[in-house]
């Protein structure tokens, strides 16, 4: 026969695991130094400028 499981405790265990996963994601997202955030933003701006520089300008005759 299978193991007896207390559903209340199983739900609590699952909720704790989900909370821990969310906390880990927040540590990755928000747990960075100001220097790291500034560097990431500068890299994103540079990538956007380079992408815009390669776009073709189309002049439509009116």
PDB file of N, CA and C in Angstrom:
ATOM      1  N   UNK A   1       0.831  -1.176   0.000  1.00  0.00           N
ATOM      2  CA  UNK A   1       0.000   0.000   0.000  1.00  0.00           C
ATOM      3  C   UNK A   1       0.878   1.242   0.000  1.00  0.00           C
ATOM      4  N   UNK A   2       0.355   2.362  -0.513  1.00  0.00           N
ATOM      5  CA  UNK A   2       1.125   3.590  -0.643  1.00  0.00           C
ATOM      6  C   UNK A   2       1.314   4.309   0.677  1.00  0.00           C
ATOM      7  N   UNK A   3       2.123   5.315   0.621  1.00  0.00           N
ATOM      8  CA  UNK A   3       2.424   6.114   1.806  1.00  0.00           C
ATOM      9  C   UNK A   3       1.263   7.072   2.081  1.00  0.00           C
ATOM     10  N   UNK A   4       0.933   7.260   3.332  1.00  0.00           N
ATOM     11  CA  UNK A   4      -0.140   8.169   3.728  1.00  0.00           C
ATOM     12  C   UNK A   4       0.413   9.596   3.690  1.00  0.00           C
ATOM     13  N   UNK A   5      -0.334  10.499   3.032  1.00  0.00           N
ATOM     14  CA  UNK A   5       0.125  11.870   2.863  1.00  0.00           C
ATOM     15  C   UNK A   5      -0.896  12.816   3.478  1.00  0.00           C
ATOM     16  N   UNK A   6      -0.421  13.708   4.296  1.00  0.00           N
ATOM     17  CA  UNK A   6      -1.277  14.741   4.866  1.00  0.00           C
ATOM     18  C   UNK A   6      -1.366  15.864   3.825  1.00  0.00           C
ATOM     19  N   UNK A   7      -2.537  16.071   3.252  1.00  0.00           N
ATOM     20  CA  UNK A   7      -2.695  17.035   2.160  1.00  0.00           C
ATOM     21  C   UNK A   7      -2.428  18.472   2.610  1.00  0.00           C
ATOM     22  N   UNK A   8      -2.800  18.803   3.809  1.00  0.00           N
ATOM     23  CA  UNK A   8      -2.556  20.155   4.322  1.00  0.00           C
ATOM     24  C   UNK A   8      -1.060  20.452   4.347  1.00  0.00           C
ATOM     25  N   UNK A   9      -0.292  19.496   4.848  1.00  0.00           N
ATOM     26  CA  UNK A   9       1.159  19.695   4.915  1.00  0.00           C
ATOM     27  C   UNK A   9       1.774  19.692   3.523  1.00  0.00           C
ATOM     28  N   UNK A  10       1.247  18.890   2.624  1.00  0.00           N
ATOM     29  CA  UNK A  10       1.759  18.854   1.257  1.00  0.00           C
ATOM     30  C   UNK A  10       1.524  20.194   0.565  1.00  0.00           C
ATOM     31  N   UNK A  11       0.347  20.794   0.774  1.00  0.00           N
ATOM     32  CA  UNK A  11       0.063  22.103   0.189  1.00  0.00           C
ATOM     33  C   UNK A  11       0.997  23.164   0.746  1.00  0.00           C
ATOM     34  N   UNK A  12       1.241  23.104   2.041  1.00  0.00           N
ATOM     35  CA  UNK A  12       2.145  24.075   2.659  1.00  0.00           C
ATOM     36  C   UNK A  12       3.561  23.917   2.115  1.00  0.00           C
ATOM     37  N   UNK A  13       4.010  22.673   1.954  1.00  0.00           N
ATOM     38  CA  UNK A  13       5.329  22.410   1.399  1.00  0.00           C
ATOM     39  C   UNK A  13       5.453  22.971  -0.017  1.00  0.00           C
ATOM     40  N   UNK A  14       4.399  22.761  -0.810  1.00  0.00           N
ATOM     41  CA  UNK A  14       4.393  23.256  -2.182  1.00  0.00           C
ATOM     42  C   UNK A  14       4.430  24.781  -2.196  1.00  0.00           C
ATOM     43  N   UNK A  15       3.656  25.416  -1.334  1.00  0.00           N
ATOM     44  CA  UNK A  15       3.630  26.879  -1.264  1.00  0.00           C
ATOM     45  C   UNK A  15       4.989  27.432  -0.854  1.00  0.00           C
ATOM     46  N   UNK A  16       5.637  26.781   0.097  1.00  0.00           N
ATOM     47  CA  UNK A  16       6.975  27.224   0.524  1.00  0.00           C
ATOM     48  C   UNK A  16       7.975  27.107  -0.617  1.00  0.00           C
ATOM     49  N   UNK A  17       7.892  26.011  -1.375  1.00  0.00           N
ATOM     50  CA  UNK A  17       8.815  25.813  -2.503  1.00  0.00           C
ATOM     51  C   UNK A  17       8.592  26.888  -3.565  1.00  0.00           C
ATOM     52  N   UNK A  18       7.335  27.230  -3.853  1.00  0.00           N
ATOM     53  CA  UNK A  18       7.042  28.274  -4.837  1.00  0.00           C
ATOM     54  C   UNK A  18       7.541  29.630  -4.344  1.00  0.00           C
ATOM     55  N   UNK A  19       7.357  29.907  -3.071  1.00  0.00           N
ATOM     56  CA  UNK A  19       7.834  31.160  -2.498  1.00  0.00           C
ATOM     57  C   UNK A  19       9.353  31.246  -2.607  1.00  0.00           C
ATOM     58  N   UNK A  20      10.029  30.148  -2.341  1.00  0.00           N
ATOM     59  CA  UNK A  20      11.490  30.124  -2.436  1.00  0.00           C
ATOM     60  C   UNK A  20      11.946  30.349  -3.871  1.00  0.00           C
ATOM     61  N   UNK A  21      11.246  29.743  -4.849  1.00  0.00           N
ATOM     62  CA  UNK A  21      11.597  29.960  -6.261  1.00  0.00           C
ATOM     63  C   UNK A  21      11.418  31.428  -6.643  1.00  0.00           C
ATOM     64  N   UNK A  22      10.340  32.040  -6.186  1.00  0.00           N
ATOM     65  CA  UNK A  22      10.098  33.455  -6.481  1.00  0.00           C
ATOM     66  C   UNK A  22      11.168  34.323  -5.825  1.00  0.00           C
ATOM     67  N   UNK A  23      11.561  33.987  -4.617  1.00  0.00           N
ATOM     68  CA  UNK A  23      12.593  34.747  -3.912  1.00  0.00           C
ATOM     69  C   UNK A  23      13.934  34.632  -4.648  1.00  0.00           C
ATOM     70  N   UNK A  24      14.236  33.451  -5.149  1.00  0.00           N
ATOM     71  CA  UNK A  24      15.481  33.259  -5.895  1.00  0.00           C
ATOM     72  C   UNK A  24      15.484  34.108  -7.166  1.00  0.00           C
ATOM     73  N   UNK A  25      14.349  34.143  -7.846  1.00  0.00           N
ATOM     74  CA  UNK A  25      14.242  34.965  -9.057  1.00  0.00           C
ATOM     75  C   UNK A  25      14.406  36.441  -8.715  1.00  0.00           C
ATOM     76  N   UNK A  26      13.818  36.882  -7.609  1.00  0.00           N
ATOM     77  CA  UNK A  26      13.960  38.275  -7.196  1.00  0.00           C
ATOM     78  C   UNK A  26      15.394  38.594  -6.818  1.00  0.00           C
ATOM     79  N   UNK A  27      16.088  37.657  -6.199  1.00  0.00           N
ATOM     80  CA  UNK A  27      17.499  37.888  -5.877  1.00  0.00           C
ATOM     81  C   UNK A  27      18.312  38.101  -7.138  1.00  0.00           C
ATOM     82  N   UNK A  28      17.985  37.337  -8.185  1.00  0.00           N
ATOM     83  CA  UNK A  28      18.704  37.482  -9.446  1.00  0.00           C
ATOM     84  C   UNK A  28      18.365  38.820 -10.092  1.00  0.00           C
ATOM     85  N   UNK A  29      17.086  39.163 -10.093  1.00  0.00           N
ATOM     86  CA  UNK A  29      16.629  40.369 -10.779  1.00  0.00           C
ATOM     87  C   UNK A  29      17.027  41.640 -10.046  1.00  0.00           C
ATOM     88  N   UNK A  30      16.772  41.703  -8.759  1.00  0.00           N
ATOM     89  CA  UNK A  30      16.942  42.944  -8.021  1.00  0.00           C
ATOM     90  C   UNK A  30      18.187  42.983  -7.149  1.00  0.00           C
ATOM     91  N   UNK A  31      18.860  41.896  -6.965  1.00  0.00           N
ATOM     92  CA  UNK A  31      20.003  41.853  -6.071  1.00  0.00           C
ATOM     93  C   UNK A  31      21.313  42.168  -6.768  1.00  0.00           C
ATOM     94  N   UNK A  32      21.319  43.241  -7.555  1.00  0.00           N
ATOM     95  CA  UNK A  32      22.524  43.613  -8.273  1.00  0.00           C
ATOM     96  C   UNK A  32      23.010  44.971  -7.789  1.00  0.00           C
ATOM     97  N   UNK A  33      24.290  45.220  -7.966  1.00  0.00           N
ATOM     98  CA  UNK A  33      24.844  46.497  -7.557  1.00  0.00           C
ATOM     99  C   UNK A  33      24.465  47.569  -8.566  1.00  0.00           C
ATOM    100  N   UNK A  34      24.608  48.808  -8.166  1.00  0.00           N
ATOM    101  CA  UNK A  34      24.283  49.911  -9.063  1.00  0.00           C
ATOM    102  C   UNK A  34      25.189  49.879 -10.289  1.00  0.00           C
ATOM    103  N   UNK A  35      26.423  49.500 -10.102  1.00  0.00           N
ATOM    104  CA  UNK A  35      27.367  49.414 -11.220  1.00  0.00           C
ATOM    105  C   UNK A  35      26.897  48.377 -12.239  1.00  0.00           C
ATOM    106  N   UNK A  36      26.423  47.230 -11.776  1.00  0.00           N
ATOM    107  CA  UNK A  36      25.918  46.198 -12.678  1.00  0.00           C
ATOM    108  C   UNK A  36      24.688  46.679 -13.443  1.00  0.00           C
ATOM    109  N   UNK A  37      23.778  47.354 -12.741  1.00  0.00           N
ATOM    110  CA  UNK A  37      22.573  47.869 -13.404  1.00  0.00           C
ATOM    111  C   UNK A  37      22.936  48.906 -14.459  1.00  0.00           C
ATOM    112  N   UNK A  38      23.875  49.796 -14.123  1.00  0.00           N
ATOM    113  CA  UNK A  38      24.302  50.832 -15.058  1.00  0.00           C
ATOM    114  C   UNK A  38      24.955  50.215 -16.288  1.00  0.00           C
ATOM    115  N   UNK A  39      25.793  49.214 -16.077  1.00  0.00           N
ATOM    116  CA  UNK A  39      26.466  48.541 -17.187  1.00  0.00           C
ATOM    117  C   UNK A  39      25.453  47.858 -18.097  1.00  0.00           C
ATOM    118  N   UNK A  40      24.486  47.173 -17.535  1.00  0.00           N
ATOM    119  CA  UNK A  40      23.462  46.495 -18.323  1.00  0.00           C
ATOM    120  C   UNK A  40      22.659  47.499 -19.137  1.00  0.00           C
ATOM    121  N   UNK A  41      22.294  48.607 -18.525  1.00  0.00           N
ATOM    122  CA  UNK A  41      21.520  49.632 -19.234  1.00  0.00           C
ATOM    123  C   UNK A  41      22.340  50.217 -20.370  1.00  0.00           C
ATOM    124  N   UNK A  42      23.626  50.469 -20.150  1.00  0.00           N
ATOM    125  CA  UNK A  42      24.486  51.007 -21.205  1.00  0.00           C
ATOM    126  C   UNK A  42      24.616  50.018 -22.356  1.00  0.00           C
ATOM    127  N   UNK A  43      24.751  48.739 -22.047  1.00  0.00           N
ATOM    128  CA  UNK A  43      24.841  47.722 -23.092  1.00  0.00           C
ATOM    129  C   UNK A  43      23.549  47.653 -23.908  1.00  0.00           C
ATOM    130  N   UNK A  44      22.408  47.754 -23.241  1.00  0.00           N
ATOM    131  CA  UNK A  44      21.118  47.735 -23.942  1.00  0.00           C
ATOM    132  C   UNK A  44      20.967  48.955 -24.840  1.00  0.00           C
ATOM    133  N   UNK A  45      21.390  50.127 -24.352  1.00  0.00           N
ATOM    134  CA  UNK A  45      21.308  51.343 -25.158  1.00  0.00           C
ATOM    135  C   UNK A  45      22.206  51.247 -26.382  1.00  0.00           C
ATOM    136  N   UNK A  46      23.412  50.712 -26.215  1.00  0.00           N
ATOM    137  CA  UNK A  46      24.336  50.546 -27.326  1.00  0.00           C
ATOM    138  C   UNK A  46      23.763  49.591 -28.367  1.00  0.00           C
ATOM    139  N   UNK A  47      23.180  48.494 -27.917  1.00  0.00           N
ATOM    140  CA  UNK A  47      22.585  47.530 -28.843  1.00  0.00           C
ATOM    141  C   UNK A  47      21.428  48.171 -29.607  1.00  0.00           C
ATOM    142  N   UNK A  48      20.631  48.975 -28.937  1.00  0.00           N
ATOM    143  CA  UNK A  48      19.506  49.642 -29.594  1.00  0.00           C
ATOM    144  C   UNK A  48      20.008  50.653 -30.623  1.00  0.00           C
ATOM    145  N   UNK A  49      21.058  51.398 -30.306  1.00  0.00           N
ATOM    146  CA  UNK A  49      21.627  52.364 -31.247  1.00  0.00           C
ATOM    147  C   UNK A  49      22.182  51.657 -32.478  1.00  0.00           C
ATOM    148  N   UNK A  50      22.876  50.547 -32.263  1.00  0.00           N
ATOM    149  CA  UNK A  50      23.442  49.805 -33.386  1.00  0.00           C
ATOM    150  C   UNK A  50      22.332  49.248 -34.281  1.00  0.00           C
ATOM    151  N   UNK A  51      21.266  48.784 -33.684  1.00  0.00           N
ATOM    152  CA  UNK A  51      20.147  48.268 -34.456  1.00  0.00           C
ATOM    153  C   UNK A  51      19.490  49.387 -35.255  1.00  0.00           C
ATOM    154  N   UNK A  52      19.300  50.544 -34.633  1.00  0.00           N
ATOM    155  CA  UNK A  52      18.699  51.681 -35.333  1.00  0.00           C
ATOM    156  C   UNK A  52      19.596  52.175 -36.463  1.00  0.00           C
ATOM    157  N   UNK A  53      20.905  52.072 -36.293  1.00  0.00           N
ATOM    158  CA  UNK A  53      21.838  52.525 -37.323  1.00  0.00           C
ATOM    159  C   UNK A  53      21.741  51.664 -38.576  1.00  0.00           C
ATOM    160  N   UNK A  54      21.320  50.428 -38.457  1.00  0.00           N
ATOM    161  CA  UNK A  54      21.225  49.523 -39.597  1.00  0.00           C
ATOM    162  C   UNK A  54      19.860  49.568 -40.284  1.00  0.00           C
ATOM    163  N   UNK A  55      18.939  50.345 -39.753  1.00  0.00           N
ATOM    164  CA  UNK A  55      17.609  50.422 -40.358  1.00  0.00           C
ATOM    165  C   UNK A  55      17.656  51.290 -41.608  1.00  0.00           C
ATOM    166  N   UNK A  56      16.883  50.906 -42.586  1.00  0.00           N
ATOM    167  CA  UNK A  56      16.796  51.692 -43.808  1.00  0.00           C
ATOM    168  C   UNK A  56      15.729  52.763 -43.646  1.00  0.00           C
ATOM    169  N   UNK A  57      16.026  53.914 -44.180  1.00  0.00           N
ATOM    170  CA  UNK A  57      15.062  55.000 -44.189  1.00  0.00           C
ATOM    171  C   UNK A  57      14.367  54.974 -45.550  1.00  0.00           C
ATOM    172  N   UNK A  58      13.073  54.909 -45.545  1.00  0.00           N
ATOM    173  CA  UNK A  58      12.330  54.903 -46.799  1.00  0.00           C
ATOM    174  C   UNK A  58      11.590  56.220 -46.914  1.00  0.00           C
ATOM    175  N   UNK A  59      11.862  56.930 -47.994  1.00  0.00           N
ATOM    176  CA  UNK A  59      11.173  58.180 -48.251  1.00  0.00           C
ATOM    177  C   UNK A  59      10.040  57.901 -49.230  1.00  0.00           C
ATOM    178  N   UNK A  60       8.862  58.098 -48.791  1.00  0.00           N
ATOM    179  CA  UNK A  60       7.700  57.863 -49.637  1.00  0.00           C
ATOM    180  C   UNK A  60       7.336  59.169 -50.349  1.00  0.00           C
ATOM    181  N   UNK A  61       7.206  59.124 -51.676  1.00  0.00           N
ATOM    182  CA  UNK A  61       6.808  60.350 -52.376  1.00  0.00           C
ATOM    183  C   UNK A  61       5.348  60.677 -52.070  1.00  0.00           C
ATOM    184  N   UNK A  62       5.110  61.937 -51.868  1.00  0.00           N
ATOM    185  CA  UNK A  62       3.754  62.352 -51.520  1.00  0.00           C
ATOM    186  C   UNK A  62       3.038  62.943 -52.691  1.00  0.00           C
TER     187      UNK A  62
END
